[in-house]
């Protein structure tokens, strides 16, 4: 994988991590927190796996590909859940998760 592709992947991961953190924070402020409890849980997990994937990429870990594969899976799951909610922060999170999942799958395939 060339350096430009890696930089694009890193950008997608960072964007997803930030967007997930924002969605997590905004969801905790919703009037009906129980309605978004799964969203809250998944955005936290998504942010955590993004951070791990970023660290693996930046340290050239031998486990980068399996970690990226898991990141894609978590991001896909988070995107589905966030996509169920009409809040702007959830919709933006779903989009960022889909972009990150695709970037991680491309990394794994390379």
N, C-alpha and C. Protein backbone atom coordinates (compact mmCIF):
# COMPACT_ATOMS: atom_id res chain seq x y z
N UNK A 1 0.85 -1.18 0.00
CA UNK A 1 0.00 0.00 0.00
C UNK A 1 0.89 1.23 0.00
N UNK A 2 0.59 2.17 -0.88
CA UNK A 2 1.44 3.36 -0.97
C UNK A 2 1.13 4.35 0.16
N UNK A 3 2.04 5.27 0.35
CA UNK A 3 1.93 6.22 1.47
C UNK A 3 0.68 7.09 1.35
N UNK A 4 0.30 7.49 0.13
CA UNK A 4 -0.91 8.30 -0.05
C UNK A 4 -2.16 7.54 0.40
N UNK A 5 -2.22 6.26 0.07
CA UNK A 5 -3.36 5.44 0.50
C UNK A 5 -3.39 5.31 2.01
N UNK A 6 -2.22 5.14 2.60
CA UNK A 6 -2.16 5.04 4.07
C UNK A 6 -2.60 6.35 4.70
N UNK A 7 -2.17 7.47 4.14
CA UNK A 7 -2.57 8.78 4.68
C UNK A 7 -4.08 8.97 4.54
N UNK A 8 -4.66 8.54 3.43
CA UNK A 8 -6.12 8.62 3.25
C UNK A 8 -6.84 7.76 4.28
N UNK A 9 -6.29 6.58 4.54
CA UNK A 9 -6.87 5.69 5.55
C UNK A 9 -6.78 6.32 6.93
N UNK A 10 -5.62 6.88 7.25
CA UNK A 10 -5.44 7.54 8.54
C UNK A 10 -6.43 8.69 8.69
N UNK A 11 -6.63 9.47 7.64
CA UNK A 11 -7.59 10.58 7.68
C UNK A 11 -9.00 10.07 7.94
N UNK A 12 -9.39 8.99 7.28
CA UNK A 12 -10.73 8.42 7.49
C UNK A 12 -10.89 7.91 8.91
N UNK A 13 -9.84 7.30 9.46
CA UNK A 13 -9.90 6.79 10.83
C UNK A 13 -10.01 7.94 11.83
N UNK A 14 -9.20 8.97 11.64
CA UNK A 14 -9.24 10.12 12.56
C UNK A 14 -10.61 10.80 12.49
N UNK A 15 -11.12 10.98 11.29
CA UNK A 15 -12.44 11.60 11.14
C UNK A 15 -13.51 10.77 11.83
N UNK A 16 -13.44 9.46 11.67
CA UNK A 16 -14.42 8.58 12.30
C UNK A 16 -14.30 8.64 13.83
N UNK A 17 -13.09 8.63 14.32
CA UNK A 17 -12.88 8.70 15.76
C UNK A 17 -13.45 10.00 16.34
N UNK A 18 -13.16 11.10 15.68
CA UNK A 18 -13.66 12.40 16.15
C UNK A 18 -15.18 12.48 16.05
N UNK A 19 -15.72 12.01 14.94
CA UNK A 19 -17.16 12.08 14.73
C UNK A 19 -17.88 11.16 15.72
N UNK A 20 -17.30 10.00 15.98
CA UNK A 20 -17.89 9.07 16.97
C UNK A 20 -17.87 9.68 18.36
N UNK A 21 -16.77 10.32 18.71
CA UNK A 21 -16.69 10.98 20.02
C UNK A 21 -17.74 12.09 20.14
N UNK A 22 -17.91 12.84 19.06
CA UNK A 22 -18.90 13.91 19.07
C UNK A 22 -20.31 13.34 19.21
N UNK A 23 -20.60 12.29 18.46
CA UNK A 23 -21.92 11.66 18.53
C UNK A 23 -22.16 11.10 19.94
N UNK A 24 -21.15 10.47 20.51
CA UNK A 24 -21.23 9.96 21.87
C UNK A 24 -21.63 11.06 22.85
N UNK A 25 -20.91 12.17 22.77
CA UNK A 25 -21.16 13.30 23.67
C UNK A 25 -22.55 13.90 23.46
N UNK A 26 -22.92 14.12 22.21
CA UNK A 26 -24.24 14.72 21.92
C UNK A 26 -25.37 13.76 22.28
N UNK A 27 -25.16 12.47 22.10
CA UNK A 27 -26.20 11.49 22.43
C UNK A 27 -26.46 11.45 23.93
N UNK A 28 -25.42 11.64 24.72
CA UNK A 28 -25.60 11.68 26.17
C UNK A 28 -26.44 12.88 26.61
N UNK A 29 -26.52 13.90 25.75
CA UNK A 29 -27.29 15.10 26.07
C UNK A 29 -28.73 15.03 25.55
N UNK A 30 -29.07 13.96 24.85
CA UNK A 30 -30.43 13.83 24.31
C UNK A 30 -31.43 13.70 25.45
N UNK A 31 -32.63 14.17 25.19
CA UNK A 31 -33.69 14.10 26.20
C UNK A 31 -34.02 12.65 26.55
N UNK A 32 -34.08 11.80 25.55
CA UNK A 32 -34.39 10.39 25.76
C UNK A 32 -33.13 9.56 25.52
N UNK A 33 -32.29 9.49 26.53
CA UNK A 33 -31.02 8.79 26.42
C UNK A 33 -31.24 7.29 26.18
N UNK A 34 -32.29 6.74 26.75
CA UNK A 34 -32.56 5.31 26.54
C UNK A 34 -32.80 4.98 25.07
N UNK A 35 -33.36 5.93 24.34
CA UNK A 35 -33.62 5.72 22.92
C UNK A 35 -32.31 5.56 22.14
N UNK A 36 -31.25 6.18 22.61
CA UNK A 36 -29.97 6.15 21.90
C UNK A 36 -28.88 5.39 22.66
N UNK A 37 -29.29 4.54 23.61
CA UNK A 37 -28.30 3.86 24.44
C UNK A 37 -27.37 2.96 23.62
N UNK A 38 -27.88 2.28 22.60
CA UNK A 38 -27.03 1.42 21.77
C UNK A 38 -26.08 2.28 20.92
N UNK A 39 -26.58 3.41 20.48
CA UNK A 39 -25.76 4.37 19.75
C UNK A 39 -24.60 4.84 20.64
N UNK A 40 -24.90 5.16 21.87
CA UNK A 40 -23.88 5.61 22.81
C UNK A 40 -22.81 4.54 23.00
N UNK A 41 -23.24 3.30 23.21
CA UNK A 41 -22.30 2.20 23.42
C UNK A 41 -21.42 1.99 22.18
N UNK A 42 -22.06 1.96 21.02
CA UNK A 42 -21.31 1.68 19.79
C UNK A 42 -20.37 2.81 19.40
N UNK A 43 -20.76 4.05 19.63
CA UNK A 43 -19.85 5.15 19.29
C UNK A 43 -18.61 5.11 20.17
N UNK A 44 -18.78 4.69 21.40
CA UNK A 44 -17.62 4.55 22.30
C UNK A 44 -16.70 3.45 21.78
N UNK A 45 -17.27 2.32 21.43
CA UNK A 45 -16.47 1.20 20.92
C UNK A 45 -15.80 1.57 19.60
N UNK A 46 -16.53 2.29 18.77
CA UNK A 46 -16.00 2.70 17.47
C UNK A 46 -14.79 3.62 17.66
N UNK A 47 -14.92 4.59 18.52
CA UNK A 47 -13.81 5.50 18.78
C UNK A 47 -12.60 4.74 19.32
N UNK A 48 -12.84 3.80 20.20
CA UNK A 48 -11.74 3.01 20.78
C UNK A 48 -11.01 2.17 19.72
N UNK A 49 -11.76 1.49 18.85
CA UNK A 49 -11.12 0.65 17.84
C UNK A 49 -10.42 1.52 16.79
N UNK A 50 -10.97 2.70 16.52
CA UNK A 50 -10.29 3.63 15.61
C UNK A 50 -8.94 4.05 16.18
N UNK A 51 -8.90 4.35 17.46
CA UNK A 51 -7.64 4.75 18.11
C UNK A 51 -6.63 3.61 18.04
N UNK A 52 -7.07 2.39 18.29
CA UNK A 52 -6.19 1.23 18.22
C UNK A 52 -5.68 1.02 16.80
N UNK A 53 -6.56 1.16 15.82
CA UNK A 53 -6.17 1.00 14.42
C UNK A 53 -5.16 2.07 14.01
N UNK A 54 -5.41 3.28 14.42
CA UNK A 54 -4.48 4.38 14.13
C UNK A 54 -3.11 4.08 14.71
N UNK A 55 -3.07 3.65 15.95
CA UNK A 55 -1.79 3.32 16.58
C UNK A 55 -1.10 2.17 15.85
N UNK A 56 -1.86 1.17 15.45
CA UNK A 56 -1.27 0.04 14.73
C UNK A 56 -0.66 0.49 13.40
N UNK A 57 -1.39 1.35 12.70
CA UNK A 57 -0.87 1.88 11.42
C UNK A 57 0.38 2.70 11.62
N UNK A 58 0.36 3.55 12.61
CA UNK A 58 1.49 4.47 12.81
C UNK A 58 2.73 3.78 13.38
N UNK A 59 2.55 2.61 13.97
CA UNK A 59 3.71 1.89 14.51
C UNK A 59 4.08 0.69 13.64
N UNK A 60 3.39 0.55 12.51
CA UNK A 60 3.65 -0.55 11.58
C UNK A 60 3.54 -1.90 12.29
N UNK A 61 2.48 -2.04 13.07
CA UNK A 61 2.25 -3.27 13.83
C UNK A 61 2.05 -4.47 12.91
N UNK A 62 2.51 -5.61 13.36
CA UNK A 62 2.29 -6.85 12.64
C UNK A 62 0.80 -7.23 12.64
N UNK A 63 0.02 -6.61 13.51
CA UNK A 63 -1.40 -6.92 13.63
C UNK A 63 -2.30 -5.88 12.97
N UNK A 64 -1.71 -5.01 12.16
CA UNK A 64 -2.49 -3.93 11.54
C UNK A 64 -3.68 -4.45 10.75
N UNK A 65 -3.47 -5.44 9.92
CA UNK A 65 -4.58 -5.92 9.07
C UNK A 65 -5.72 -6.54 9.87
N UNK A 66 -5.45 -7.42 10.84
CA UNK A 66 -6.58 -7.95 11.61
C UNK A 66 -7.28 -6.87 12.45
N UNK A 67 -6.51 -5.91 12.94
CA UNK A 67 -7.12 -4.82 13.70
C UNK A 67 -7.98 -3.97 12.77
N UNK A 68 -7.49 -3.68 11.57
CA UNK A 68 -8.26 -2.90 10.60
C UNK A 68 -9.53 -3.64 10.19
N UNK A 69 -9.45 -4.97 10.07
CA UNK A 69 -10.64 -5.76 9.73
C UNK A 69 -11.69 -5.63 10.83
N UNK A 70 -11.25 -5.69 12.08
CA UNK A 70 -12.18 -5.52 13.19
C UNK A 70 -12.73 -4.10 13.21
N UNK A 71 -11.90 -3.13 12.92
CA UNK A 71 -12.34 -1.73 12.87
C UNK A 71 -13.45 -1.58 11.83
N UNK A 72 -13.29 -2.18 10.67
CA UNK A 72 -14.31 -2.11 9.63
C UNK A 72 -15.62 -2.71 10.12
N UNK A 73 -15.53 -3.82 10.82
CA UNK A 73 -16.72 -4.49 11.34
C UNK A 73 -17.44 -3.61 12.37
N UNK A 74 -16.69 -3.05 13.29
CA UNK A 74 -17.29 -2.19 14.32
C UNK A 74 -17.88 -0.93 13.68
N UNK A 75 -17.16 -0.35 12.74
CA UNK A 75 -17.66 0.85 12.05
C UNK A 75 -18.94 0.56 11.28
N UNK A 76 -19.00 -0.58 10.60
CA UNK A 76 -20.23 -0.95 9.90
C UNK A 76 -21.41 -1.06 10.86
N UNK A 77 -21.18 -1.69 12.00
CA UNK A 77 -22.23 -1.87 13.00
C UNK A 77 -22.67 -0.52 13.56
N UNK A 78 -21.71 0.34 13.85
CA UNK A 78 -22.01 1.67 14.38
C UNK A 78 -22.78 2.48 13.34
N UNK A 79 -22.39 2.37 12.08
CA UNK A 79 -23.07 3.11 11.01
C UNK A 79 -24.54 2.72 10.91
N UNK A 80 -24.82 1.44 11.04
CA UNK A 80 -26.21 0.97 10.97
C UNK A 80 -27.00 1.56 12.14
N UNK A 81 -26.44 1.47 13.33
CA UNK A 81 -27.15 1.99 14.51
C UNK A 81 -27.35 3.50 14.44
N UNK A 82 -26.30 4.22 14.14
CA UNK A 82 -26.42 5.68 14.07
C UNK A 82 -27.36 6.10 12.93
N UNK A 83 -27.35 5.33 11.86
CA UNK A 83 -28.23 5.63 10.73
C UNK A 83 -29.70 5.52 11.07
N UNK A 84 -30.03 4.84 12.14
CA UNK A 84 -31.43 4.70 12.58
C UNK A 84 -31.97 5.96 13.23
N UNK A 85 -31.09 6.85 13.63
CA UNK A 85 -31.49 8.05 14.36
C UNK A 85 -31.41 9.26 13.43
N UNK A 86 -32.34 10.16 13.58
CA UNK A 86 -32.43 11.31 12.68
C UNK A 86 -31.58 12.50 13.13
N UNK A 87 -30.98 12.41 14.30
CA UNK A 87 -30.14 13.51 14.78
C UNK A 87 -28.99 13.74 13.80
N UNK A 88 -28.66 15.01 13.58
CA UNK A 88 -27.56 15.34 12.66
C UNK A 88 -26.26 14.66 13.07
N UNK A 89 -25.97 14.66 14.37
CA UNK A 89 -24.71 14.07 14.83
C UNK A 89 -24.68 12.57 14.56
N UNK A 90 -25.82 11.91 14.64
CA UNK A 90 -25.87 10.47 14.34
C UNK A 90 -25.70 10.22 12.84
N UNK A 91 -26.33 11.04 12.03
CA UNK A 91 -26.21 10.88 10.58
C UNK A 91 -24.77 11.13 10.12
N UNK A 92 -24.13 12.14 10.67
CA UNK A 92 -22.73 12.42 10.32
C UNK A 92 -21.82 11.28 10.78
N UNK A 93 -22.12 10.73 11.94
CA UNK A 93 -21.33 9.61 12.46
C UNK A 93 -21.49 8.39 11.55
N UNK A 94 -22.71 8.11 11.14
CA UNK A 94 -22.94 6.97 10.25
C UNK A 94 -22.13 7.11 8.96
N UNK A 95 -22.12 8.31 8.40
CA UNK A 95 -21.36 8.55 7.16
C UNK A 95 -19.86 8.37 7.39
N UNK A 96 -19.35 8.91 8.48
CA UNK A 96 -17.91 8.79 8.78
C UNK A 96 -17.54 7.33 9.03
N UNK A 97 -18.42 6.60 9.69
CA UNK A 97 -18.17 5.18 9.95
C UNK A 97 -18.10 4.38 8.66
N UNK A 98 -18.99 4.68 7.73
CA UNK A 98 -18.98 3.97 6.44
C UNK A 98 -17.69 4.25 5.67
N UNK A 99 -17.25 5.51 5.68
CA UNK A 99 -16.00 5.86 5.01
C UNK A 99 -14.81 5.14 5.66
N UNK A 100 -14.80 5.10 6.97
CA UNK A 100 -13.71 4.44 7.69
C UNK A 100 -13.72 2.94 7.43
N UNK A 101 -14.90 2.34 7.46
CA UNK A 101 -15.00 0.90 7.21
C UNK A 101 -14.46 0.55 5.83
N UNK A 102 -14.82 1.36 4.84
CA UNK A 102 -14.33 1.12 3.49
C UNK A 102 -12.81 1.27 3.42
N UNK A 103 -12.28 2.31 4.05
CA UNK A 103 -10.83 2.53 4.05
C UNK A 103 -10.11 1.36 4.73
N UNK A 104 -10.67 0.87 5.82
CA UNK A 104 -10.05 -0.26 6.54
C UNK A 104 -10.12 -1.54 5.71
N UNK A 105 -11.23 -1.77 5.02
CA UNK A 105 -11.33 -2.95 4.16
C UNK A 105 -10.31 -2.87 3.02
N UNK A 106 -10.12 -1.68 2.46
CA UNK A 106 -9.13 -1.50 1.42
C UNK A 106 -7.73 -1.78 1.94
N UNK A 107 -7.45 -1.37 3.15
CA UNK A 107 -6.16 -1.62 3.77
C UNK A 107 -5.93 -3.12 3.93
N UNK A 108 -6.94 -3.82 4.40
CA UNK A 108 -6.84 -5.25 4.60
C UNK A 108 -6.61 -5.97 3.28
N UNK A 109 -7.26 -5.50 2.23
CA UNK A 109 -7.16 -6.13 0.91
C UNK A 109 -5.82 -5.87 0.22
N UNK A 110 -5.13 -4.82 0.63
CA UNK A 110 -3.87 -4.43 -0.04
C UNK A 110 -2.74 -5.39 0.27
